[in-house]
Structures are given as C-alpha cells and as structure tokens.
C-alpha atoms as a PDB file:
ATOM      1  CA  UNK A   1     139.794-193.368  70.107  1.00  0.00           C
ATOM      2  CA  UNK A   2     140.726-192.875  66.288  1.00  0.00           C
ATOM      3  CA  UNK A   3     143.348-195.080  65.267  1.00  0.00           C
ATOM      4  CA  UNK A   4     145.692-191.937  64.032  1.00  0.00           C
ATOM      5  CA  UNK A   5     145.067-190.197  67.347  1.00  0.00           C
ATOM      6  CA  UNK A   6     146.193-193.297  69.228  1.00  0.00           C
ATOM      7  CA  UNK A   7     149.507-193.335  67.340  1.00  0.00           C
ATOM      8  CA  UNK A   8     150.084-189.808  68.123  1.00  0.00           C
ATOM      9  CA  UNK A   9     149.368-190.046  71.652  1.00  0.00           C
ATOM     10  CA  UNK A  10     151.545-193.352  71.593  1.00  0.00           C
ATOM     11  CA  UNK A  11     154.575-191.327  70.022  1.00  0.00           C
ATOM     12  CA  UNK A  12     154.333-188.340  72.631  1.00  0.00           C
ATOM     13  CA  UNK A  13     154.162-185.918  69.917  1.00  0.00           C
ATOM     14  CA  UNK A  14     153.690-182.268  71.192  1.00  0.00           C
ATOM     15  CA  UNK A  15     152.873-179.344  69.005  1.00  0.00           C
ATOM     16  CA  UNK A  16     156.036-178.016  67.050  1.00  0.00           C
ATOM     17  CA  UNK A  17     155.059-174.525  67.496  1.00  0.00           C
ATOM     18  CA  UNK A  18     155.885-172.273  70.711  1.00  0.00           C
ATOM     19  CA  UNK A  19     152.853-173.913  72.722  1.00  0.00           C
ATOM     20  CA  UNK A  20     154.103-177.293  72.636  1.00  0.00           C
ATOM     21  CA  UNK A  21     150.732-178.626  73.585  1.00  0.00           C
ATOM     22  CA  UNK A  22     150.202-182.575  73.205  1.00  0.00           C
ATOM     23  CA  UNK A  23     149.006-182.887  69.641  1.00  0.00           C
ATOM     24  CA  UNK A  24     147.012-185.969  70.283  1.00  0.00           C
ATOM     25  CA  UNK A  25     145.002-183.926  73.073  1.00  0.00           C
ATOM     26  CA  UNK A  26     144.361-181.181  70.509  1.00  0.00           C
ATOM     27  CA  UNK A  27     143.069-183.316  67.975  1.00  0.00           C
ATOM     28  CA  UNK A  28     140.558-185.107  70.353  1.00  0.00           C
ATOM     29  CA  UNK A  29     139.338-181.927  71.419  1.00  0.00           C
ATOM     30  CA  UNK A  30     138.362-180.814  68.032  1.00  0.00           C
ATOM     31  CA  UNK A  31     137.081-184.443  66.992  1.00  0.00           C
ATOM     32  CA  UNK A  32     134.716-184.471  70.081  1.00  0.00           C
ATOM     33  CA  UNK A  33     133.723-180.938  69.738  1.00  0.00           C
ATOM     34  CA  UNK A  34     130.093-180.269  68.756  1.00  0.00           C
ATOM     35  CA  UNK A  35     129.039-179.362  65.238  1.00  0.00           C
ATOM     36  CA  UNK A  36     129.592-181.327  62.024  1.00  0.00           C
ATOM     37  CA  UNK A  37     131.649-178.444  60.301  1.00  0.00           C
ATOM     38  CA  UNK A  38     135.335-178.327  61.082  1.00  0.00           C
ATOM     39  CA  UNK A  39     138.511-176.866  59.638  1.00  0.00           C
ATOM     40  CA  UNK A  40     142.198-177.551  59.905  1.00  0.00           C
ATOM     41  CA  UNK A  41     145.051-174.872  59.297  1.00  0.00           C
ATOM     42  CA  UNK A  42     148.819-175.112  59.021  1.00  0.00           C
ATOM     43  CA  UNK A  43     150.405-172.569  60.813  1.00  0.00           C
ATOM     44  CA  UNK A  44     153.427-171.524  58.505  1.00  0.00           C
ATOM     45  CA  UNK A  45     153.766-168.315  60.164  1.00  0.00           C
ATOM     46  CA  UNK A  46     157.101-168.665  61.505  1.00  0.00           C
ATOM     47  CA  UNK A  47     157.612-165.012  62.925  1.00  0.00           C
ATOM     48  CA  UNK A  48     160.231-165.605  65.812  1.00  0.00           C
ATOM     49  CA  UNK A  49     163.527-164.240  64.376  1.00  0.00           C
ATOM     50  CA  UNK A  50     166.071-166.896  64.637  1.00  0.00           C
ATOM     51  CA  UNK A  51     163.873-169.790  63.759  1.00  0.00           C
ATOM     52  CA  UNK A  52     164.053-171.320  60.288  1.00  0.00           C
ATOM     53  CA  UNK A  53     162.751-174.790  60.371  1.00  0.00           C
ATOM     54  CA  UNK A  54     159.528-174.414  58.933  1.00  0.00           C
ATOM     55  CA  UNK A  55     161.084-172.846  55.998  1.00  0.00           C
ATOM     56  CA  UNK A  56     163.326-175.535  55.531  1.00  0.00           C
ATOM     57  CA  UNK A  57     160.132-178.116  55.745  1.00  0.00           C
ATOM     58  CA  UNK A  58     158.294-176.474  52.948  1.00  0.00           C
ATOM     59  CA  UNK A  59     161.560-176.284  50.714  1.00  0.00           C
ATOM     60  CA  UNK A  60     162.144-179.622  51.344  1.00  0.00           C
ATOM     61  CA  UNK A  61     159.144-181.741  52.460  1.00  0.00           C
ATOM     62  CA  UNK A  62     156.100-179.822  51.535  1.00  0.00           C
ATOM     63  CA  UNK A  63     154.540-183.373  50.201  1.00  0.00           C
ATOM     64  CA  UNK A  64     154.797-184.544  53.931  1.00  0.00           C
ATOM     65  CA  UNK A  65     153.300-181.393  55.189  1.00  0.00           C
ATOM     66  CA  UNK A  66     150.222-182.117  52.957  1.00  0.00           C
ATOM     67  CA  UNK A  67     150.050-185.530  53.904  1.00  0.00           C
ATOM     68  CA  UNK A  68     149.898-184.558  57.516  1.00  0.00           C
ATOM     69  CA  UNK A  69     147.244-181.896  56.743  1.00  0.00           C
ATOM     70  CA  UNK A  70     144.902-184.357  54.686  1.00  0.00           C
ATOM     71  CA  UNK A  71     145.397-187.195  57.294  1.00  0.00           C
ATOM     72  CA  UNK A  72     144.083-184.519  60.026  1.00  0.00           C
ATOM     73  CA  UNK A  73     141.223-183.440  57.457  1.00  0.00           C
ATOM     74  CA  UNK A  74     140.000-187.164  57.335  1.00  0.00           C
ATOM     75  CA  UNK A  75     140.547-187.936  60.963  1.00  0.00           C
ATOM     76  CA  UNK A  76     138.370-184.739  62.046  1.00  0.00           C
ATOM     77  CA  UNK A  77     135.885-185.047  59.163  1.00  0.00           C
ATOM     78  CA  UNK A  78     137.047-181.466  58.661  1.00  0.00           C
ATOM     79  CA  UNK A  79     135.117-179.350  55.587  1.00  0.00           C
ATOM     80  CA  UNK A  80     138.065-177.728  54.488  1.00  0.00           C
ATOM     81  CA  UNK A  81     142.193-177.452  54.984  1.00  0.00           C
ATOM     82  CA  UNK A  82     143.917-174.309  55.082  1.00  0.00           C
ATOM     83  CA  UNK A  83     147.726-173.603  54.635  1.00  0.00           C
ATOM     84  CA  UNK A  84     148.541-170.422  56.168  1.00  0.00           C
ATOM     85  CA  UNK A  85     151.738-168.757  54.848  1.00  0.00           C
ATOM     86  CA  UNK A  86     153.522-165.658  55.799  1.00  0.00           C
ATOM     87  CA  UNK A  87     154.244-163.429  53.184  1.00  0.00           C
ATOM     88  CA  UNK A  88     157.970-164.348  52.419  1.00  0.00           C
ATOM     89  CA  UNK A  89     156.782-168.096  52.304  1.00  0.00           C
ATOM     90  CA  UNK A  90     154.070-167.412  49.930  1.00  0.00           C
ATOM     91  CA  UNK A  91     156.222-165.792  47.318  1.00  0.00           C
ATOM     92  CA  UNK A  92     158.822-168.613  47.659  1.00  0.00           C
ATOM     93  CA  UNK A  93     156.318-171.932  47.988  1.00  0.00           C
ATOM     94  CA  UNK A  94     152.732-170.730  47.068  1.00  0.00           C
ATOM     95  CA  UNK A  95     153.406-172.413  43.629  1.00  0.00           C
ATOM     96  CA  UNK A  96     154.936-175.579  44.559  1.00  0.00           C
ATOM     97  CA  UNK A  97     152.269-176.348  47.271  1.00  0.00           C
ATOM     98  CA  UNK A  98     149.337-175.128  44.945  1.00  0.00           C
ATOM     99  CA  UNK A  99     150.468-177.755  42.331  1.00  0.00           C
ATOM    100  CA  UNK A 100     150.636-180.587  45.166  1.00  0.00           C
ATOM    101  CA  UNK A 101     147.139-179.641  46.474  1.00  0.00           C
ATOM    102  CA  UNK A 102     145.689-180.595  43.033  1.00  0.00           C
ATOM    103  CA  UNK A 103     141.872-180.787  43.155  1.00  0.00           C
ATOM    104  CA  UNK A 104     141.754-181.376  47.097  1.00  0.00           C
ATOM    105  CA  UNK A 105     139.837-179.226  49.324  1.00  0.00           C
ATOM    106  CA  UNK A 106     142.638-177.451  50.522  1.00  0.00           C
ATOM    107  CA  UNK A 107     143.307-173.521  50.102  1.00  0.00           C
ATOM    108  CA  UNK A 108     146.396-171.428  50.818  1.00  0.00           C
ATOM    109  CA  UNK A 109     145.951-168.061  52.717  1.00  0.00           C
ATOM    110  CA  UNK A 110     148.972-165.591  52.836  1.00  0.00           C
ATOM    111  CA  UNK A 111     148.937-163.012  55.995  1.00  0.00           C
ATOM    112  CA  UNK A 112     148.971-159.561  55.080  1.00  0.00           C
ATOM    113  CA  UNK A 113     152.177-158.832  57.011  1.00  0.00           C
ATOM    114  CA  UNK A 114     155.131-160.649  58.478  1.00  0.00           C
ATOM    115  CA  UNK A 115     154.316-159.752  62.040  1.00  0.00           C
ATOM    116  CA  UNK A 116     155.132-161.603  65.171  1.00  0.00           C
ATOM    117  CA  UNK A 117     151.544-161.617  66.467  1.00  0.00           C
ATOM    118  CA  UNK A 118     150.193-162.865  63.203  1.00  0.00           C
ATOM    119  CA  UNK A 119     151.166-166.427  64.049  1.00  0.00           C
ATOM    120  CA  UNK A 120     149.008-166.736  67.318  1.00  0.00           C
ATOM    121  CA  UNK A 121     146.472-169.232  66.348  1.00  0.00           C
ATOM    122  CA  UNK A 122     143.529-166.825  67.350  1.00  0.00           C
ATOM    123  CA  UNK A 123     145.123-163.899  65.399  1.00  0.00           C
ATOM    124  CA  UNK A 124     145.503-166.297  62.219  1.00  0.00           C
ATOM    125  CA  UNK A 125     141.509-167.127  62.626  1.00  0.00           C
ATOM    126  CA  UNK A 126     140.843-163.381  62.606  1.00  0.00           C
ATOM    127  CA  UNK A 127     142.909-162.641  59.739  1.00  0.00           C
ATOM    128  CA  UNK A 128     141.383-165.485  57.740  1.00  0.00           C
ATOM    129  CA  UNK A 129     138.017-163.959  58.350  1.00  0.00           C
ATOM    130  CA  UNK A 130     139.003-160.317  57.477  1.00  0.00           C
ATOM    131  CA  UNK A 131     139.252-158.930  61.243  1.00  0.00           C
ATOM    132  CA  UNK A 132     141.678-157.156  63.096  1.00  0.00           C
ATOM    133  CA  UNK A 133     145.385-158.427  63.458  1.00  0.00           C
ATOM    134  CA  UNK A 134     144.955-159.383  66.977  1.00  0.00           C
ATOM    135  CA  UNK A 135     144.491-162.468  69.471  1.00  0.00           C
ATOM    136  CA  UNK A 136     141.018-163.141  70.482  1.00  0.00           C
ATOM    137  CA  UNK A 137     139.779-163.582  74.189  1.00  0.00           C
ATOM    138  CA  UNK A 138     139.967-166.891  75.383  1.00  0.00           C
ATOM    139  CA  UNK A 139     137.772-169.146  76.180  1.00  0.00           C
ATOM    140  CA  UNK A 140     136.235-170.145  73.881  1.00  0.00           C
ATOM    141  CA  UNK A 141     139.495-171.580  72.279  1.00  0.00           C
ATOM    142  CA  UNK A 142     139.526-172.138  68.630  1.00  0.00           C
ATOM    143  CA  UNK A 143     139.416-175.704  69.020  1.00  0.00           C
ATOM    144  CA  UNK A 144     135.598-175.113  70.082  1.00  0.00           C
ATOM    145  CA  UNK A 145     134.953-171.931  67.898  1.00  0.00           C
ATOM    146  CA  UNK A 146     137.613-171.064  65.399  1.00  0.00           C
ATOM    147  CA  UNK A 147     137.435-170.291  61.609  1.00  0.00           C
ATOM    148  CA  UNK A 148     133.718-168.937  60.987  1.00  0.00           C
ATOM    149  CA  UNK A 149     132.971-169.815  64.618  1.00  0.00           C
ATOM    150  CA  UNK A 150     133.493-173.710  63.975  1.00  0.00           C
ATOM    151  CA  UNK A 151     135.823-176.095  65.885  1.00  0.00           C
ATOM    152  CA  UNK A 152     139.217-175.566  64.154  1.00  0.00           C
ATOM    153  CA  UNK A 153     142.501-177.380  64.525  1.00  0.00           C
ATOM    154  CA  UNK A 154     145.797-175.016  64.192  1.00  0.00           C
ATOM    155  CA  UNK A 155     148.921-176.951  64.246  1.00  0.00           C
ATOM    156  CA  UNK A 156     152.624-175.967  63.193  1.00  0.00           C
ATOM    157  CA  UNK A 157     153.982-176.681  59.804  1.00  0.00           C
ATOM    158  CA  UNK A 158     156.296-179.343  61.524  1.00  0.00           C
ATOM    159  CA  UNK A 159     153.633-181.151  63.346  1.00  0.00           C
ATOM    160  CA  UNK A 160     151.850-181.809  60.411  1.00  0.00           C
ATOM    161  CA  UNK A 161     155.482-183.306  58.773  1.00  0.00           C
ATOM    162  CA  UNK A 162     155.883-185.401  62.041  1.00  0.00           C
ATOM    163  CA  UNK A 163     152.066-186.537  61.686  1.00  0.00           C
ATOM    164  CA  UNK A 164     152.802-187.876  58.263  1.00  0.00           C
ATOM    165  CA  UNK A 165     156.070-189.742  59.418  1.00  0.00           C
ATOM    166  CA  UNK A 166     153.821-191.266  62.346  1.00  0.00           C
ATOM    167  CA  UNK A 167     151.317-192.500  60.126  1.00  0.00           C
ATOM    168  CA  UNK A 168     154.171-194.255  57.796  1.00  0.00           C
ATOM    169  CA  UNK A 169     155.561-196.016  60.913  1.00  0.00           C
ATOM    170  CA  UNK A 170     158.848-193.612  60.503  1.00  0.00           C
ATOM    171  CA  UNK A 171     158.573-191.181  63.123  1.00  0.00           C
ATOM    172  CA  UNK A 172     161.536-191.340  65.813  1.00  0.00           C
ATOM    173  CA  UNK A 173     161.077-188.944  68.010  1.00  0.00           C
ATOM    174  CA  UNK A 174     163.221-186.356  66.615  1.00  0.00           C
ATOM    175  CA  UNK A 175     162.775-182.795  65.786  1.00  0.00           C
ATOM    176  CA  UNK A 176     164.586-180.039  63.519  1.00  0.00           C
ATOM    177  CA  UNK A 177     166.776-177.512  65.432  1.00  0.00           C
ATOM    178  CA  UNK A 178     168.106-174.227  64.182  1.00  0.00           C
ATOM    179  CA  UNK A 179     171.500-173.029  65.377  1.00  0.00           C
ATOM    180  CA  UNK A 180     172.811-169.577  64.346  1.00  0.00           C
ATOM    181  CA  UNK A 181     174.137-166.363  65.909  1.00  0.00           C
ATOM    182  CA  UNK A 182     177.713-164.795  66.361  1.00  0.00           C
ATOM    183  CA  UNK A 183     180.574-166.000  64.341  1.00  0.00           C
ATOM    184  CA  UNK A 184     178.180-169.153  63.776  1.00  0.00           C
ATOM    185  CA  UNK A 185     176.770-170.306  60.206  1.00  0.00           C
ATOM    186  CA  UNK A 186     173.233-170.387  60.010  1.00  0.00           C
ATOM    187  CA  UNK A 187     172.069-174.258  59.796  1.00  0.00           C
ATOM    188  CA  UNK A 188     169.345-176.548  60.822  1.00  0.00           C
ATOM    189  CA  UNK A 189     169.610-180.268  62.112  1.00  0.00           C
ATOM    190  CA  UNK A 190     167.519-182.961  63.166  1.00  0.00           C
ATOM    191  CA  UNK A 191     168.283-184.379  66.732  1.00  0.00           C
ATOM    192  CA  UNK A 192     166.687-186.811  69.042  1.00  0.00           C
ATOM    193  CA  UNK A 193     164.166-184.546  70.883  1.00  0.00           C
ATOM    194  CA  UNK A 194     165.786-185.511  74.324  1.00  0.00           C
ATOM    195  CA  UNK A 195     169.298-184.502  74.149  1.00  0.00           C
ATOM    196  CA  UNK A 196     170.595-181.661  75.829  1.00  0.00           C
ATOM    197  CA  UNK A 197     171.305-178.118  74.180  1.00  0.00           C
ATOM    198  CA  UNK A 198     174.975-178.683  74.936  1.00  0.00           C
ATOM    199  CA  UNK A 199     174.846-182.320  73.408  1.00  0.00           C
ATOM    200  CA  UNK A 200     173.133-180.594  69.988  1.00  0.00           C
ATOM    201  CA  UNK A 201     175.799-177.838  70.008  1.00  0.00           C
ATOM    202  CA  UNK A 202     178.672-180.414  70.089  1.00  0.00           C
ATOM    203  CA  UNK A 203     177.241-183.002  67.877  1.00  0.00           C
ATOM    204  CA  UNK A 204     176.500-179.955  65.169  1.00  0.00           C
ATOM    205  CA  UNK A 205     180.094-178.991  65.565  1.00  0.00           C
ATOM    206  CA  UNK A 206     178.895-175.461  66.776  1.00  0.00           C
ATOM    207  CA  UNK A 207     179.969-175.410  70.191  1.00  0.00           C
ATOM    208  CA  UNK A 208     181.682-172.046  70.301  1.00  0.00           C
ATOM    209  CA  UNK A 209     185.324-171.502  71.092  1.00  0.00           C
ATOM    210  CA  UNK A 210     184.723-168.199  72.699  1.00  0.00           C
ATOM    211  CA  UNK A 211     182.900-167.271  75.778  1.00  0.00           C
ATOM    212  CA  UNK A 212     179.379-166.799  74.928  1.00  0.00           C
ATOM    213  CA  UNK A 213     175.526-167.454  76.092  1.00  0.00           C
ATOM    214  CA  UNK A 214     172.581-168.771  74.167  1.00  0.00           C
ATOM    215  CA  UNK A 215     169.079-167.597  73.703  1.00  0.00           C
ATOM    216  CA  UNK A 216     167.101-170.823  73.374  1.00  0.00           C
ATOM    217  CA  UNK A 217     163.932-170.785  71.383  1.00  0.00           C
ATOM    218  CA  UNK A 218     164.624-167.644  69.086  1.00  0.00           C
ATOM    219  CA  UNK A 219     166.259-164.472  69.316  1.00  0.00           C
ATOM    220  CA  UNK A 220     163.473-162.500  70.802  1.00  0.00           C
ATOM    221  CA  UNK A 221     161.441-164.608  73.094  1.00  0.00           C
ATOM    222  CA  UNK A 222     164.128-166.981  73.684  1.00  0.00           C
ATOM    223  CA  UNK A 223     165.639-167.504  77.286  1.00  0.00           C
ATOM    224  CA  UNK A 224     169.164-166.708  77.994  1.00  0.00           C
ATOM    225  CA  UNK A 225     171.149-169.456  79.209  1.00  0.00           C
ATOM    226  CA  UNK A 226     174.963-169.519  80.102  1.00  0.00           C
ATOM    227  CA  UNK A 227     177.408-172.162  78.978  1.00  0.00           C
ATOM    228  CA  UNK A 228     177.225-174.001  82.301  1.00  0.00           C
ATOM    229  CA  UNK A 229     173.483-174.378  82.094  1.00  0.00           C
ATOM    230  CA  UNK A 230     173.231-175.978  78.601  1.00  0.00           C
ATOM    231  CA  UNK A 231     173.183-179.549  80.264  1.00  0.00           C
ATOM    232  CA  UNK A 232     169.926-178.619  81.936  1.00  0.00           C
ATOM    233  CA  UNK A 233     167.850-178.067  78.996  1.00  0.00           C
ATOM    234  CA  UNK A 234     166.513-180.780  76.485  1.00  0.00           C
ATOM    235  CA  UNK A 235     165.576-179.344  73.061  1.00  0.00           C
ATOM    236  CA  UNK A 236     162.261-181.135  72.930  1.00  0.00           C
ATOM    237  CA  UNK A 237     160.317-177.834  73.780  1.00  0.00           C
ATOM    238  CA  UNK A 238     162.376-175.734  71.489  1.00  0.00           C
ATOM    239  CA  UNK A 239     162.957-174.753  67.818  1.00  0.00           C
ATOM    240  CA  UNK A 240     166.457-173.382  68.022  1.00  0.00           C
ATOM    241  CA  UNK A 241     169.015-171.256  69.617  1.00  0.00           C
ATOM    242  CA  UNK A 242     171.150-168.034  69.019  1.00  0.00           C
ATOM    243  CA  UNK A 243     174.646-167.919  70.132  1.00  0.00           C
ATOM    244  CA  UNK A 244     175.956-164.579  71.519  1.00  0.00           C
ATOM    245  CA  UNK A 245     179.543-163.567  72.561  1.00  0.00           C
ATOM    246  CA  UNK A 246     179.277-163.055  76.106  1.00  0.00           C
ATOM    247  CA  UNK A 247     181.151-159.560  75.690  1.00  0.00           C
ATOM    248  CA  UNK A 248     177.970-158.247  73.597  1.00  0.00           C
ATOM    249  CA  UNK A 249     177.012-154.707  74.565  1.00  0.00           C
ATOM    250  CA  UNK A 250     173.928-155.213  77.221  1.00  0.00           C
ATOM    251  CA  UNK A 251     172.636-151.928  76.209  1.00  0.00           C
ATOM    252  CA  UNK A 252     172.513-152.525  72.746  1.00  0.00           C
ATOM    253  CA  UNK A 253     171.122-156.095  73.027  1.00  0.00           C
ATOM    254  CA  UNK A 254     168.416-155.225  75.631  1.00  0.00           C
ATOM    255  CA  UNK A 255     167.151-152.106  73.568  1.00  0.00           C
ATOM    256  CA  UNK A 256     166.860-154.616  70.594  1.00  0.00           C
ATOM    257  CA  UNK A 257     164.777-157.030  72.524  1.00  0.00           C
ATOM    258  CA  UNK A 258     162.626-153.901  74.026  1.00  0.00           C
ATOM    259  CA  UNK A 259     162.123-152.189  70.493  1.00  0.00           C
ATOM    260  CA  UNK A 260     160.970-155.442  68.805  1.00  0.00           C
ATOM    261  CA  UNK A 261     157.942-155.745  71.269  1.00  0.00           C
ATOM    262  CA  UNK A 262     157.238-151.931  71.476  1.00  0.00           C
ATOM    263  CA  UNK A 263     156.808-152.455  67.723  1.00  0.00           C
ATOM    264  CA  UNK A 264     155.164-155.794  67.271  1.00  0.00           C
ATOM    265  CA  UNK A 265     152.551-155.289  70.398  1.00  0.00           C
ATOM    266  CA  UNK A 266     148.952-155.410  68.546  1.00  0.00           C
ATOM    267  CA  UNK A 267     147.924-152.578  71.136  1.00  0.00           C
ATOM    268  CA  UNK A 268     144.806-154.727  71.965  1.00  0.00           C
ATOM    269  CA  UNK A 269     145.575-155.141  75.815  1.00  0.00           C
ATOM    270  CA  UNK A 270     146.738-152.306  78.039  1.00  0.00           C
ATOM    271  CA  UNK A 271     149.315-154.376  80.091  1.00  0.00           C
ATOM    272  CA  UNK A 272     151.413-155.203  76.539  1.00  0.00           C
ATOM    273  CA  UNK A 273     150.604-152.053  74.831  1.00  0.00           C
ATOM    274  CA  UNK A 274     151.644-149.745  77.710  1.00  0.00           C
ATOM    275  CA  UNK A 275     154.118-152.255  79.123  1.00  0.00           C
ATOM    276  CA  UNK A 276     156.314-152.370  76.251  1.00  0.00           C
ATOM    277  CA  UNK A 277     156.594-148.899  75.781  1.00  0.00           C
ATOM    278  CA  UNK A 278     157.288-148.157  79.405  1.00  0.00           C
ATOM    279  CA  UNK A 279     159.879-150.874  79.545  1.00  0.00           C
ATOM    280  CA  UNK A 280     161.870-149.100  76.631  1.00  0.00           C
ATOM    281  CA  UNK A 281     161.369-145.598  78.028  1.00  0.00           C
ATOM    282  CA  UNK A 282     162.559-146.834  81.780  1.00  0.00           C
ATOM    283  CA  UNK A 283     165.361-148.693  80.559  1.00  0.00           C
ATOM    284  CA  UNK A 284     166.766-145.796  78.697  1.00  0.00           C
ATOM    285  CA  UNK A 285     166.134-143.045  81.342  1.00  0.00           C
ATOM    286  CA  UNK A 286     168.907-141.614  83.387  1.00  0.00           C
ATOM    287  CA  UNK A 287     167.731-143.070  86.565  1.00  0.00           C
ATOM    288  CA  UNK A 288     166.765-146.718  85.948  1.00  0.00           C
ATOM    289  CA  UNK A 289     164.437-147.815  88.354  1.00  0.00           C
ATOM    290  CA  UNK A 290     164.764-151.722  88.747  1.00  0.00           C
ATOM    291  CA  UNK A 291     162.045-152.390  91.002  1.00  0.00           C
ATOM    292  CA  UNK A 292     159.414-150.709  88.886  1.00  0.00           C
ATOM    293  CA  UNK A 293     160.731-152.470  85.961  1.00  0.00           C
ATOM    294  CA  UNK A 294     160.352-155.528  87.738  1.00  0.00           C
ATOM    295  CA  UNK A 295     156.735-154.509  88.597  1.00  0.00           C
ATOM    296  CA  UNK A 296     155.791-153.909  85.054  1.00  0.00           C
ATOM    297  CA  UNK A 297     157.368-157.317  83.946  1.00  0.00           C
ATOM    298  CA  UNK A 298     155.254-159.128  86.578  1.00  0.00           C
ATOM    299  CA  UNK A 299     152.010-157.211  85.342  1.00  0.00           C
ATOM    300  CA  UNK A 300     152.548-157.953  81.956  1.00  0.00           C
ATOM    301  CA  UNK A 301     153.305-161.517  82.506  1.00  0.00           C
ATOM    302  CA  UNK A 302     150.200-162.073  84.796  1.00  0.00           C
ATOM    303  CA  UNK A 303     147.712-159.888  82.810  1.00  0.00           C
ATOM    304  CA  UNK A 304     148.605-159.737  79.336  1.00  0.00           C
ATOM    305  CA  UNK A 305     145.713-161.264  76.875  1.00  0.00           C
ATOM    306  CA  UNK A 306     148.251-163.574  74.869  1.00  0.00           C
ATOM    307  CA  UNK A 307     151.760-165.084  74.972  1.00  0.00           C
ATOM    308  CA  UNK A 308     153.156-162.233  73.428  1.00  0.00           C
ATOM    309  CA  UNK A 309     152.723-160.089  76.468  1.00  0.00           C
ATOM    310  CA  UNK A 310     153.636-162.791  78.760  1.00  0.00           C
ATOM    311  CA  UNK A 311     156.897-163.744  76.897  1.00  0.00           C
ATOM    312  CA  UNK A 312     158.034-160.197  75.992  1.00  0.00           C
ATOM    313  CA  UNK A 313     160.304-160.042  79.027  1.00  0.00           C
ATOM    314  CA  UNK A 314     161.561-163.660  78.886  1.00  0.00           C
ATOM    315  CA  UNK A 315     165.088-162.668  77.086  1.00  0.00           C
ATOM    316  CA  UNK A 316     165.625-159.671  79.435  1.00  0.00           C
ATOM    317  CA  UNK A 317     164.729-161.103  82.840  1.00  0.00           C
ATOM    318  CA  UNK A 318     166.727-164.245  81.860  1.00  0.00           C
ATOM    319  CA  UNK A 319     169.592-162.382  80.591  1.00  0.00           C
ATOM    320  CA  UNK A 320     169.706-160.602  83.916  1.00  0.00           C
ATOM    321  CA  UNK A 321     169.392-163.541  86.194  1.00  0.00           C
ATOM    322  CA  UNK A 322     171.784-165.815  83.966  1.00  0.00           C
ATOM    323  CA  UNK A 323     174.219-163.741  82.002  1.00  0.00           C
ATOM    324  CA  UNK A 324     174.651-160.633  84.010  1.00  0.00           C
ATOM    325  CA  UNK A 325     175.969-162.753  86.853  1.00  0.00           C
ATOM    326  CA  UNK A 326     178.738-164.401  84.390  1.00  0.00           C
ATOM    327  CA  UNK A 327     179.815-161.044  83.292  1.00  0.00           C
ATOM    328  CA  UNK A 328     180.644-160.184  86.943  1.00  0.00           C
ATOM    329  CA  UNK A 329     182.755-163.432  87.428  1.00  0.00           C
END
C-alpha cells in the first residue's frame, strides 16, 4: 500500500462530504482501478443550506486544499486535477485559486447553477462532460468509470485540507463544524471529531438559553434532535447544525423542507420526482393521510436513484418522531 494512503488509513479519515466514506478505501479503489488515465476532483459545491465550512476553508486555507489535491494526483498517477466550484465560490475564489495553481495541470470548473443535486459526485462528472444535471445509475461508480469514463476520485474540499495536514504530520482528528440558527450568530469552529453535539454547543458558547431543537447536518437534509438527545451524537459524521426555537410553527417549517426538495429534484427518477411533489400536496390537503404520507416516504427512501430522494424526508420524519413529542409534553 502507498505510504500516504497508509497514513490516511491510520488517521481514520472519513470523507468530509455527506457520504463519510473511509478516504483510504476510496483512494485505494482508484489506485487499483485498471487504466492509466485517472482524474481527481475537489468537490466545492457545498449546496446543503446552513453548511459553510468549505467557504471558510477556501477563504483561509486554499493552499492546503491545493496541496491535498496535488498529493492525490501524485499518489494516484492522475492525468489531471479539477477544482469544482459552485457559482458563488467561483466568483469569490477563482482568481485566488488560479494564482496558486500556477502551471500545474489543474483546472477550475464552475457548475452552471447552485443546485442541491449538483454536488453529487456522478452529477459533477456529468456536468463536467457537458451532460444533464442529474446523477448516474450505479454501478459502475465514478471510482471505476468517472470523468471521460476513466477512474476518478471525488473528495470534499475539507477532505483535501485534511490530507495536507496528514502529510505534514499535523492532523489531530479534528473537523470544522458550523453553528447557526435562531437567535444564534453564524459561526464556524474546529473541534475533535469525537465530541458530542452538546459539547460542541457548550464549548462554542452557543448552547441556547431558550427551548430549542437542532437540525444536525444542515438545514434541509439534517436530522432533527431534541435537547435531551444531543449527548447521543458525535460530530464526526456531520458538518454542522442549525438551532431552531421549539415553538417554531410546524407547518411553515415542514413546508419549507417540502418546497425545497420539490424544487431541487432533478426529475430523473419517479420516486423522487413524484414523491417530493406528492408529499407537498398531501401535507397541505384538507384531509392529511398520515399512513399514505409515510408509505411514500418509505418508497422514496428505498427506491430513489440517489441520496437526495433517500434523504429528502429525513428532517420531516425525525421532526415528527423526536420534536413533535417534545411539544406535546
């Protein structure tokens, strides 16, 4: 096994996007994939509302992201590297990053629209090839057949930042963690990845002095947790949290989630395309059929093509299960 990949494995690094796949395994899969032509992509789409860690990293540590990308290219013998930026990041950081790139074989690609699905790794590859903004059927995975049908590594911006630290012997099993929400200043912190959500709130000084619940992982796909559940979750798998007042209007909040996914669905697969629309329609009907609502969610979770359809109802189901009960106490 390659020396750097051994270090990544020993560090226990998980991908810092929503997939949290073991980074060393991903690199090994690309390294061992047949074919001489390979590619590496830094995913800086960051389309989950309420998560802004990649923006912070690009603003403050772009050289470390580039170091991580170059290390990946050398380790995997990649033909070329790409930095995939959403339109906002492209307007803010493109010139700075281009100067840092210099004459290296690295190209910046800006996604055409800041949509939720544009950050999914196979959708990234489609957009870079000039194809439709939609995920690919899997298998094959982009690790085997990605950009130009060649083995391709796609990792999150923060993952490459951590790779650079691992290579320098400075990695401390920490991660960036965003905190924002009701009566809460938008802020970002760096914590040991093993601390609990409650510890993160206390150590940041952002533990609310009002009745609240949180959405762990972002403002749309995040899981809703009551205050008494926060010791049960470590921040290792999550990029941040949103604080909500417990008294927040349920209908307004659930409709916000439903409208987001109804709008953001790429429409490629029936469970997501029809499911997101039907959930919104049913929730706002005069006679709300709870069982049918739950059945549609089950179908979406088990048959959608990509993680968007599978996760679209996570906030809603966890809200009903964890938060609505608190309000009734």
